PDB file of N, CA and C in Angstrom:
ATOM      1  N   MET A   1     -75.016  88.580 -59.747  1.00  0.00           N
ATOM      2  CA  MET A   1     -75.848  89.567 -60.416  1.00  0.00           C
ATOM      3  C   MET A   1     -76.398  90.513 -59.354  1.00  0.00           C
ATOM      4  N   ILE A   2     -76.328  91.784 -59.635  1.00  0.00           N
ATOM      5  CA  ILE A   2     -76.855  92.795 -58.733  1.00  0.00           C
ATOM      6  C   ILE A   2     -78.016  93.515 -59.408  1.00  0.00           C
ATOM      7  N   LYS A   3     -78.658  94.411 -58.665  1.00  0.00           N
ATOM      8  CA  LYS A   3     -79.835  95.107 -59.186  1.00  0.00           C
ATOM      9  C   LYS A   3     -79.522  95.872 -60.471  1.00  0.00           C
ATOM     10  N   LEU A   4     -78.342  96.477 -60.541  1.00  0.00           N
ATOM     11  CA  LEU A   4     -77.974  97.216 -61.761  1.00  0.00           C
ATOM     12  C   LEU A   4     -77.892  96.293 -62.977  1.00  0.00           C
ATOM     13  N   ASP A   5     -77.457  95.048 -62.770  1.00  0.00           N
ATOM     14  CA  ASP A   5     -77.417  94.073 -63.865  1.00  0.00           C
ATOM     15  C   ASP A   5     -78.827  93.749 -64.353  1.00  0.00           C
ATOM     16  N   ILE A   6     -79.764  93.636 -63.431  1.00  0.00           N
ATOM     17  CA  ILE A   6     -81.159  93.368 -63.800  1.00  0.00           C
ATOM     18  C   ILE A   6     -81.718  94.541 -64.606  1.00  0.00           C
ATOM     19  N   ILE A   7     -81.423  95.750 -64.160  1.00  0.00           N
ATOM     20  CA  ILE A   7     -81.896  96.942 -64.874  1.00  0.00           C
ATOM     21  C   ILE A   7     -81.306  96.979 -66.278  1.00  0.00           C
ATOM     22  N   GLN A   8     -80.014  96.718 -66.405  1.00  0.00           N
ATOM     23  CA  GLN A   8     -79.356  96.731 -67.713  1.00  0.00           C
ATOM     24  C   GLN A   8     -79.947  95.667 -68.638  1.00  0.00           C
ATOM     25  N   GLU A   9     -80.218  94.489 -68.100  1.00  0.00           N
ATOM     26  CA  GLU A   9     -80.831  93.406 -68.884  1.00  0.00           C
ATOM     27  C   GLU A   9     -82.213  93.818 -69.379  1.00  0.00           C
ATOM     28  N   LEU A  10     -82.978  94.492 -68.534  1.00  0.00           N
ATOM     29  CA  LEU A  10     -84.302  94.975 -68.910  1.00  0.00           C
ATOM     30  C   LEU A  10     -84.210  96.022 -70.018  1.00  0.00           C
ATOM     31  N   VAL A  11     -83.229  96.904 -69.924  1.00  0.00           N
ATOM     32  CA  VAL A  11     -83.012  97.921 -70.964  1.00  0.00           C
ATOM     33  C   VAL A  11     -82.701  97.249 -72.304  1.00  0.00           C
ATOM     34  N   GLU A  12     -81.806  96.265 -72.279  1.00  0.00           N
ATOM     35  CA  GLU A  12     -81.397  95.586 -73.510  1.00  0.00           C
ATOM     36  C   GLU A  12     -82.522  94.777 -74.142  1.00  0.00           C
ATOM     37  N   LYS A  13     -83.319  94.109 -73.318  1.00  0.00           N
ATOM     38  CA  LYS A  13     -84.359  93.232 -73.858  1.00  0.00           C
ATOM     39  C   LYS A  13     -85.636  93.957 -74.254  1.00  0.00           C
ATOM     40  N   THR A  14     -85.928  95.107 -73.629  1.00  0.00           N
ATOM     41  CA  THR A  14     -87.192  95.781 -73.917  1.00  0.00           C
ATOM     42  C   THR A  14     -87.035  97.091 -74.672  1.00  0.00           C
ATOM     43  N   GLY A  15     -85.838  97.670 -74.629  1.00  0.00           N
ATOM     44  CA  GLY A  15     -85.646  98.957 -75.277  1.00  0.00           C
ATOM     45  C   GLY A  15     -86.126 100.131 -74.437  1.00  0.00           C
ATOM     46  N   LEU A  16     -86.498  99.881 -73.190  1.00  0.00           N
ATOM     47  CA  LEU A  16     -86.893 100.962 -72.298  1.00  0.00           C
ATOM     48  C   LEU A  16     -85.679 101.838 -71.984  1.00  0.00           C
ATOM     49  N   SER A  17     -85.951 103.062 -71.584  1.00  0.00           N
ATOM     50  CA  SER A  17     -84.851 103.909 -71.135  1.00  0.00           C
ATOM     51  C   SER A  17     -84.369 103.382 -69.785  1.00  0.00           C
ATOM     52  N   LYS A  18     -83.143 103.728 -69.434  1.00  0.00           N
ATOM     53  CA  LYS A  18     -82.584 103.235 -68.179  1.00  0.00           C
ATOM     54  C   LYS A  18     -83.388 103.725 -66.981  1.00  0.00           C
ATOM     55  N   SER A  19     -83.873 104.965 -67.032  1.00  0.00           N
ATOM     56  CA  SER A  19     -84.636 105.496 -65.903  1.00  0.00           C
ATOM     57  C   SER A  19     -85.972 104.766 -65.737  1.00  0.00           C
ATOM     58  N   LYS A  20     -86.635 104.435 -66.859  1.00  0.00           N
ATOM     59  CA  LYS A  20     -87.906 103.704 -66.772  1.00  0.00           C
ATOM     60  C   LYS A  20     -87.684 102.266 -66.316  1.00  0.00           C
ATOM     61  N   ALA A  21     -86.598 101.654 -66.781  1.00  0.00           N
ATOM     62  CA  ALA A  21     -86.285 100.289 -66.355  1.00  0.00           C
ATOM     63  C   ALA A  21     -85.970 100.263 -64.865  1.00  0.00           C
ATOM     64  N   GLU A  22     -85.243 101.264 -64.392  1.00  0.00           N
ATOM     65  CA  GLU A  22     -84.920 101.345 -62.973  1.00  0.00           C
ATOM     66  C   GLU A  22     -86.190 101.533 -62.143  1.00  0.00           C
ATOM     67  N   LEU A  23     -87.097 102.367 -62.617  1.00  0.00           N
ATOM     68  CA  LEU A  23     -88.366 102.578 -61.929  1.00  0.00           C
ATOM     69  C   LEU A  23     -89.173 101.280 -61.866  1.00  0.00           C
ATOM     70  N   ALA A  24     -89.185 100.530 -62.973  1.00  0.00           N
ATOM     71  CA  ALA A  24     -89.919  99.264 -63.014  1.00  0.00           C
ATOM     72  C   ALA A  24     -89.350  98.270 -62.005  1.00  0.00           C
ATOM     73  N   VAL A  25     -88.043  98.127 -61.976  1.00  0.00           N
ATOM     74  CA  VAL A  25     -87.402  97.187 -61.055  1.00  0.00           C
ATOM     75  C   VAL A  25     -87.639  97.629 -59.606  1.00  0.00           C
ATOM     76  N   GLU A  26     -87.468  98.901 -59.324  1.00  0.00           N
ATOM     77  CA  GLU A  26     -87.691  99.418 -57.978  1.00  0.00           C
ATOM     78  C   GLU A  26     -89.149  99.213 -57.543  1.00  0.00           C
ATOM     79  N   THR A  27     -90.079  99.388 -58.474  1.00  0.00           N
ATOM     80  CA  THR A  27     -91.495  99.199 -58.166  1.00  0.00           C
ATOM     81  C   THR A  27     -91.797  97.745 -57.816  1.00  0.00           C
ATOM     82  N   VAL A  28     -91.260  96.816 -58.602  1.00  0.00           N
ATOM     83  CA  VAL A  28     -91.480  95.393 -58.338  1.00  0.00           C
ATOM     84  C   VAL A  28     -90.900  95.015 -56.980  1.00  0.00           C
ATOM     85  N   PHE A  29     -89.651  95.407 -56.724  1.00  0.00           N
ATOM     86  CA  PHE A  29     -89.034  95.068 -55.448  1.00  0.00           C
ATOM     87  C   PHE A  29     -89.759  95.736 -54.282  1.00  0.00           C
ATOM     88  N   GLY A  30     -90.207  96.965 -54.474  1.00  0.00           N
ATOM     89  CA  GLY A  30     -90.949  97.670 -53.434  1.00  0.00           C
ATOM     90  C   GLY A  30     -92.261  96.980 -53.106  1.00  0.00           C
ATOM     91  N   CYS A  31     -92.964  96.525 -54.142  1.00  0.00           N
ATOM     92  CA  CYS A  31     -94.229  95.802 -53.930  1.00  0.00           C
ATOM     93  C   CYS A  31     -93.988  94.487 -53.196  1.00  0.00           C
ATOM     94  N   MET A  32     -92.910  93.797 -53.559  1.00  0.00           N
ATOM     95  CA  MET A  32     -92.580  92.535 -52.898  1.00  0.00           C
ATOM     96  C   MET A  32     -92.245  92.782 -51.427  1.00  0.00           C
ATOM     97  N   LYS A  33     -91.456  93.806 -51.158  1.00  0.00           N
ATOM     98  CA  LYS A  33     -91.078  94.137 -49.787  1.00  0.00           C
ATOM     99  C   LYS A  33     -92.310  94.479 -48.953  1.00  0.00           C
ATOM    100  N   HIS A  34     -93.201  95.284 -49.518  1.00  0.00           N
ATOM    101  CA  HIS A  34     -94.424  95.677 -48.814  1.00  0.00           C
ATOM    102  C   HIS A  34     -95.288  94.450 -48.505  1.00  0.00           C
ATOM    103  N   ALA A  35     -95.433  93.555 -49.470  1.00  0.00           N
ATOM    104  CA  ALA A  35     -96.246  92.350 -49.266  1.00  0.00           C
ATOM    105  C   ALA A  35     -95.648  91.483 -48.159  1.00  0.00           C
ATOM    106  N   LEU A  36     -94.336  91.336 -48.146  1.00  0.00           N
ATOM    107  CA  LEU A  36     -93.689  90.527 -47.109  1.00  0.00           C
ATOM    108  C   LEU A  36     -93.811  91.185 -45.739  1.00  0.00           C
ATOM    109  N   GLU A  37     -93.719  92.506 -45.694  1.00  0.00           N
ATOM    110  CA  GLU A  37     -93.899  93.215 -44.429  1.00  0.00           C
ATOM    111  C   GLU A  37     -95.296  92.990 -43.862  1.00  0.00           C
ATOM    112  N   GLN A  38     -96.287  92.840 -44.739  1.00  0.00           N
ATOM    113  CA  GLN A  38     -97.664  92.583 -44.319  1.00  0.00           C
ATOM    114  C   GLN A  38     -97.901  91.111 -43.972  1.00  0.00           C
ATOM    115  N   GLY A  39     -96.885  90.270 -44.185  1.00  0.00           N
ATOM    116  CA  GLY A  39     -97.005  88.848 -43.872  1.00  0.00           C
ATOM    117  C   GLY A  39     -97.564  88.009 -45.001  1.00  0.00           C
ATOM    118  N   HIS A  40     -97.668  88.574 -46.202  1.00  0.00           N
ATOM    119  CA  HIS A  40     -98.205  87.832 -47.338  1.00  0.00           C
ATOM    120  C   HIS A  40     -97.144  86.917 -47.952  1.00  0.00           C
ATOM    121  N   ARG A  41     -97.613  85.922 -48.644  1.00  0.00           N
ATOM    122  CA  ARG A  41     -96.775  84.967 -49.351  1.00  0.00           C
ATOM    123  C   ARG A  41     -96.699  85.413 -50.800  1.00  0.00           C
ATOM    124  N   ILE A  42     -95.511  85.377 -51.408  1.00  0.00           N
ATOM    125  CA  ILE A  42     -95.343  85.762 -52.805  1.00  0.00           C
ATOM    126  C   ILE A  42     -94.984  84.513 -53.599  1.00  0.00           C
ATOM    127  N   GLU A  43     -95.843  84.155 -54.542  1.00  0.00           N
ATOM    128  CA  GLU A  43     -95.612  82.975 -55.375  1.00  0.00           C
ATOM    129  C   GLU A  43     -95.388  83.416 -56.812  1.00  0.00           C
ATOM    130  N   LEU A  44     -94.219  83.103 -57.338  1.00  0.00           N
ATOM    131  CA  LEU A  44     -93.881  83.400 -58.730  1.00  0.00           C
ATOM    132  C   LEU A  44     -93.752  82.065 -59.451  1.00  0.00           C
ATOM    133  N   ARG A  45     -94.787  81.693 -60.177  1.00  0.00           N
ATOM    134  CA  ARG A  45     -94.815  80.383 -60.833  1.00  0.00           C
ATOM    135  C   ARG A  45     -93.583  80.173 -61.701  1.00  0.00           C
ATOM    136  N   GLY A  46     -92.986  79.010 -61.567  1.00  0.00           N
ATOM    137  CA  GLY A  46     -91.797  78.680 -62.335  1.00  0.00           C
ATOM    138  C   GLY A  46     -90.516  79.211 -61.707  1.00  0.00           C
ATOM    139  N   PHE A  47     -90.640  80.062 -60.695  1.00  0.00           N
ATOM    140  CA  PHE A  47     -89.456  80.617 -60.051  1.00  0.00           C
ATOM    141  C   PHE A  47     -89.368  80.159 -58.602  1.00  0.00           C
ATOM    142  N   GLY A  48     -90.384  80.481 -57.806  1.00  0.00           N
ATOM    143  CA  GLY A  48     -90.363  80.060 -56.417  1.00  0.00           C
ATOM    144  C   GLY A  48     -91.328  80.846 -55.552  1.00  0.00           C
ATOM    145  N   VAL A  49     -91.202  80.623 -54.242  1.00  0.00           N
ATOM    146  CA  VAL A  49     -92.106  81.229 -53.269  1.00  0.00           C
ATOM    147  C   VAL A  49     -91.280  81.931 -52.188  1.00  0.00           C
ATOM    148  N   PHE A  50     -91.647  83.177 -51.898  1.00  0.00           N
ATOM    149  CA  PHE A  50     -91.076  83.927 -50.790  1.00  0.00           C
ATOM    150  C   PHE A  50     -92.113  83.933 -49.683  1.00  0.00           C
ATOM    151  N   GLN A  51     -91.665  83.665 -48.451  1.00  0.00           N
ATOM    152  CA  GLN A  51     -92.607  83.569 -47.351  1.00  0.00           C
ATOM    153  C   GLN A  51     -91.941  84.056 -46.062  1.00  0.00           C
ATOM    154  N   VAL A  52     -92.695  84.773 -45.231  1.00  0.00           N
ATOM    155  CA  VAL A  52     -92.191  85.215 -43.939  1.00  0.00           C
ATOM    156  C   VAL A  52     -92.460  84.102 -42.937  1.00  0.00           C
ATOM    157  N   ARG A  53     -91.417  83.731 -42.195  1.00  0.00           N
ATOM    158  CA  ARG A  53     -91.547  82.666 -41.214  1.00  0.00           C
ATOM    159  C   ARG A  53     -90.999  83.123 -39.876  1.00  0.00           C
ATOM    160  N   PRO A  54     -91.526  82.590 -38.794  1.00  0.00           N
ATOM    161  CA  PRO A  54     -90.981  82.937 -37.476  1.00  0.00           C
ATOM    162  C   PRO A  54     -89.605  82.302 -37.269  1.00  0.00           C
ATOM    163  N   ARG A  55     -88.753  83.004 -36.550  1.00  0.00           N
ATOM    164  CA  ARG A  55     -87.428  82.494 -36.218  1.00  0.00           C
ATOM    165  C   ARG A  55     -87.404  82.240 -34.716  1.00  0.00           C
ATOM    166  N   LYS A  56     -86.913  81.076 -34.329  1.00  0.00           N
ATOM    167  CA  LYS A  56     -86.898  80.685 -32.924  1.00  0.00           C
ATOM    168  C   LYS A  56     -85.832  81.455 -32.136  1.00  0.00           C
ATOM    169  N   THR A  57     -86.041  81.470 -30.831  1.00  0.00           N
ATOM    170  CA  THR A  57     -85.026  81.993 -29.925  1.00  0.00           C
ATOM    171  C   THR A  57     -83.847  81.032 -29.945  1.00  0.00           C
ATOM    172  N   GLY A  58     -82.660  81.565 -29.825  1.00  0.00           N
ATOM    173  CA  GLY A  58     -81.495  80.690 -29.843  1.00  0.00           C
ATOM    174  C   GLY A  58     -80.359  81.265 -29.029  1.00  0.00           C
ATOM    175  N   MET A  59     -79.299  80.505 -28.961  1.00  0.00           N
ATOM    176  CA  MET A  59     -78.092  80.948 -28.279  1.00  0.00           C
ATOM    177  C   MET A  59     -76.997  81.103 -29.323  1.00  0.00           C
ATOM    178  N   GLY A  60     -76.294  82.218 -29.249  1.00  0.00           N
ATOM    179  CA  GLY A  60     -75.176  82.468 -30.134  1.00  0.00           C
ATOM    180  C   GLY A  60     -73.945  82.738 -29.299  1.00  0.00           C
ATOM    181  N   ARG A  61     -72.844  82.990 -29.971  1.00  0.00           N
ATOM    182  CA  ARG A  61     -71.608  83.242 -29.257  1.00  0.00           C
ATOM    183  C   ARG A  61     -70.895  84.421 -29.897  1.00  0.00           C
ATOM    184  N   ASN A  62     -70.465  85.368 -29.082  1.00  0.00           N
ATOM    185  CA  ASN A  62     -69.694  86.496 -29.567  1.00  0.00           C
ATOM    186  C   ASN A  62     -68.328  85.962 -29.989  1.00  0.00           C
ATOM    187  N   PRO A  63     -67.949  86.104 -31.272  1.00  0.00           N
ATOM    188  CA  PRO A  63     -66.686  85.527 -31.734  1.00  0.00           C
ATOM    189  C   PRO A  63     -65.446  86.160 -31.098  1.00  0.00           C
ATOM    190  N   ARG A  64     -65.535  87.392 -30.658  1.00  0.00           N
ATOM    191  CA  ARG A  64     -64.370  88.061 -30.054  1.00  0.00           C
ATOM    192  C   ARG A  64     -64.135  87.620 -28.611  1.00  0.00           C
ATOM    193  N   THR A  65     -65.225  87.562 -27.849  1.00  0.00           N
ATOM    194  CA  THR A  65     -65.079  87.288 -26.414  1.00  0.00           C
ATOM    195  C   THR A  65     -65.429  85.853 -26.039  1.00  0.00           C
ATOM    196  N   GLY A  66     -66.197  85.184 -26.880  1.00  0.00           N
ATOM    197  CA  GLY A  66     -66.621  83.821 -26.575  1.00  0.00           C
ATOM    198  C   GLY A  66     -67.820  83.765 -25.641  1.00  0.00           C
ATOM    199  N   VAL A  67     -68.362  84.923 -25.266  1.00  0.00           N
ATOM    200  CA  VAL A  67     -69.508  84.979 -24.359  1.00  0.00           C
ATOM    201  C   VAL A  67     -70.773  84.571 -25.112  1.00  0.00           C
ATOM    202  N   GLU A  68     -71.593  83.740 -24.444  1.00  0.00           N
ATOM    203  CA  GLU A  68     -72.857  83.333 -25.059  1.00  0.00           C
ATOM    204  C   GLU A  68     -73.828  84.497 -25.051  1.00  0.00           C
ATOM    205  N   VAL A  69     -74.598  84.611 -26.139  1.00  0.00           N
ATOM    206  CA  VAL A  69     -75.546  85.707 -26.309  1.00  0.00           C
ATOM    207  C   VAL A  69     -76.904  85.124 -26.664  1.00  0.00           C
ATOM    208  N   GLN A  70     -77.950  85.627 -26.025  1.00  0.00           N
ATOM    209  CA  GLN A  70     -79.312  85.203 -26.337  1.00  0.00           C
ATOM    210  C   GLN A  70     -79.750  85.874 -27.641  1.00  0.00           C
ATOM    211  N   ILE A  71     -80.223  85.090 -28.611  1.00  0.00           N
ATOM    212  CA  ILE A  71     -80.735  85.626 -29.877  1.00  0.00           C
ATOM    213  C   ILE A  71     -82.250  85.664 -29.764  1.00  0.00           C
ATOM    214  N   PRO A  72     -82.850  86.859 -29.864  1.00  0.00           N
ATOM    215  CA  PRO A  72     -84.305  86.970 -29.670  1.00  0.00           C
ATOM    216  C   PRO A  72     -85.081  86.365 -30.846  1.00  0.00           C
ATOM    217  N   PRO A  73     -86.332  85.956 -30.582  1.00  0.00           N
ATOM    218  CA  PRO A  73     -87.157  85.455 -31.678  1.00  0.00           C
ATOM    219  C   PRO A  73     -87.476  86.591 -32.635  1.00  0.00           C
ATOM    220  N   GLY A  74     -87.749  86.254 -33.859  1.00  0.00           N
ATOM    221  CA  GLY A  74     -88.073  87.275 -34.848  1.00  0.00           C
ATOM    222  C   GLY A  74     -88.708  86.646 -36.062  1.00  0.00           C
ATOM    223  N   LYS A  75     -88.636  87.346 -37.157  1.00  0.00           N
ATOM    224  CA  LYS A  75     -89.178  86.848 -38.415  1.00  0.00           C
ATOM    225  C   LYS A  75     -88.079  86.895 -39.464  1.00  0.00           C
ATOM    226  N   THR A  76     -88.148  85.990 -40.407  1.00  0.00           N
ATOM    227  CA  THR A  76     -87.180  85.963 -41.489  1.00  0.00           C
ATOM    228  C   THR A  76     -87.882  85.580 -42.782  1.00  0.00           C
ATOM    229  N   VAL A  77     -87.327  85.972 -43.899  1.00  0.00           N
ATOM    230  CA  VAL A  77     -87.902  85.648 -45.198  1.00  0.00           C
ATOM    231  C   VAL A  77     -87.232  84.374 -45.706  1.00  0.00           C
ATOM    232  N   ARG A  78     -88.029  83.434 -46.113  1.00  0.00           N
ATOM    233  CA  ARG A  78     -87.538  82.173 -46.675  1.00  0.00           C
ATOM    234  C   ARG A  78     -87.906  82.122 -48.153  1.00  0.00           C
ATOM    235  N   PHE A  79     -87.038  81.506 -48.941  1.00  0.00           N
ATOM    236  CA  PHE A  79     -87.298  81.314 -50.370  1.00  0.00           C
ATOM    237  C   PHE A  79     -87.257  79.833 -50.662  1.00  0.00           C
ATOM    238  N   LYS A  80     -88.289  79.346 -51.329  1.00  0.00           N
ATOM    239  CA  LYS A  80     -88.329  77.952 -51.761  1.00  0.00           C
ATOM    240  C   LYS A  80     -88.387  77.964 -53.278  1.00  0.00           C
ATOM    241  N   PRO A  81     -87.347  77.465 -53.948  1.00  0.00           N
ATOM    242  CA  PRO A  81     -87.340  77.489 -55.402  1.00  0.00           C
ATOM    243  C   PRO A  81     -88.421  76.590 -56.002  1.00  0.00           C
ATOM    244  N   GLY A  82     -88.951  77.006 -57.165  1.00  0.00           N
ATOM    245  CA  GLY A  82     -89.940  76.216 -57.879  1.00  0.00           C
ATOM    246  C   GLY A  82     -89.277  75.060 -58.613  1.00  0.00           C
ATOM    247  N   LYS A  83     -90.092  74.177 -59.151  1.00  0.00           N
ATOM    248  CA  LYS A  83     -89.582  72.984 -59.844  1.00  0.00           C
ATOM    249  C   LYS A  83     -88.673  73.336 -61.006  1.00  0.00           C
ATOM    250  N   GLU A  84     -89.061  74.336 -61.792  1.00  0.00           N
ATOM    251  CA  GLU A  84     -88.256  74.715 -62.960  1.00  0.00           C
ATOM    252  C   GLU A  84     -86.881  75.248 -62.538  1.00  0.00           C
ATOM    253  N   LEU A  85     -86.827  75.964 -61.447  1.00  0.00           N
ATOM    254  CA  LEU A  85     -85.568  76.515 -60.959  1.00  0.00           C
ATOM    255  C   LEU A  85     -84.712  75.419 -60.335  1.00  0.00           C
ATOM    256  N   GLN A  86     -85.323  74.455 -59.687  1.00  0.00           N
ATOM    257  CA  GLN A  86     -84.589  73.362 -59.072  1.00  0.00           C
ATOM    258  C   GLN A  86     -83.971  72.431 -60.106  1.00  0.00           C
ATOM    259  N   SER A  87     -84.617  72.298 -61.241  1.00  0.00           N
ATOM    260  CA  SER A  87     -84.148  71.333 -62.232  1.00  0.00           C
ATOM    261  C   SER A  87     -83.153  71.935 -63.225  1.00  0.00           C
ATOM    262  N   MET A  88     -82.532  73.049 -62.861  1.00  0.00           N
ATOM    263  CA  MET A  88     -81.530  73.645 -63.730  1.00  0.00           C
ATOM    264  C   MET A  88     -80.300  72.753 -63.812  1.00  0.00           C
ATOM    265  N   ASP A  89     -79.744  72.605 -64.973  1.00  0.00           N
ATOM    266  CA  ASP A  89     -78.538  71.781 -65.142  1.00  0.00           C
ATOM    267  C   ASP A  89     -77.326  72.636 -65.355  1.00  0.00           C
TER     268      ASP A  89
END
């Protein structure tokens, strides 16, 4: 499923115009992105939690040359599914 599928689903279920549905989806994703950039945790009950976590320094390898490369520390977004999402059959 891609963003356009989400927009289409919103149009079908709510009767909104495609442009308004697209604006709604873009607004939600934009707010989530902004919150994560600020280091906030996003909890969506019944769905899961998005959280920014530090990433350790590591060693990688260039697949073409085989030379080891230092991977700098950084931040990454982690998702932990909620109970309802985990118990899907």
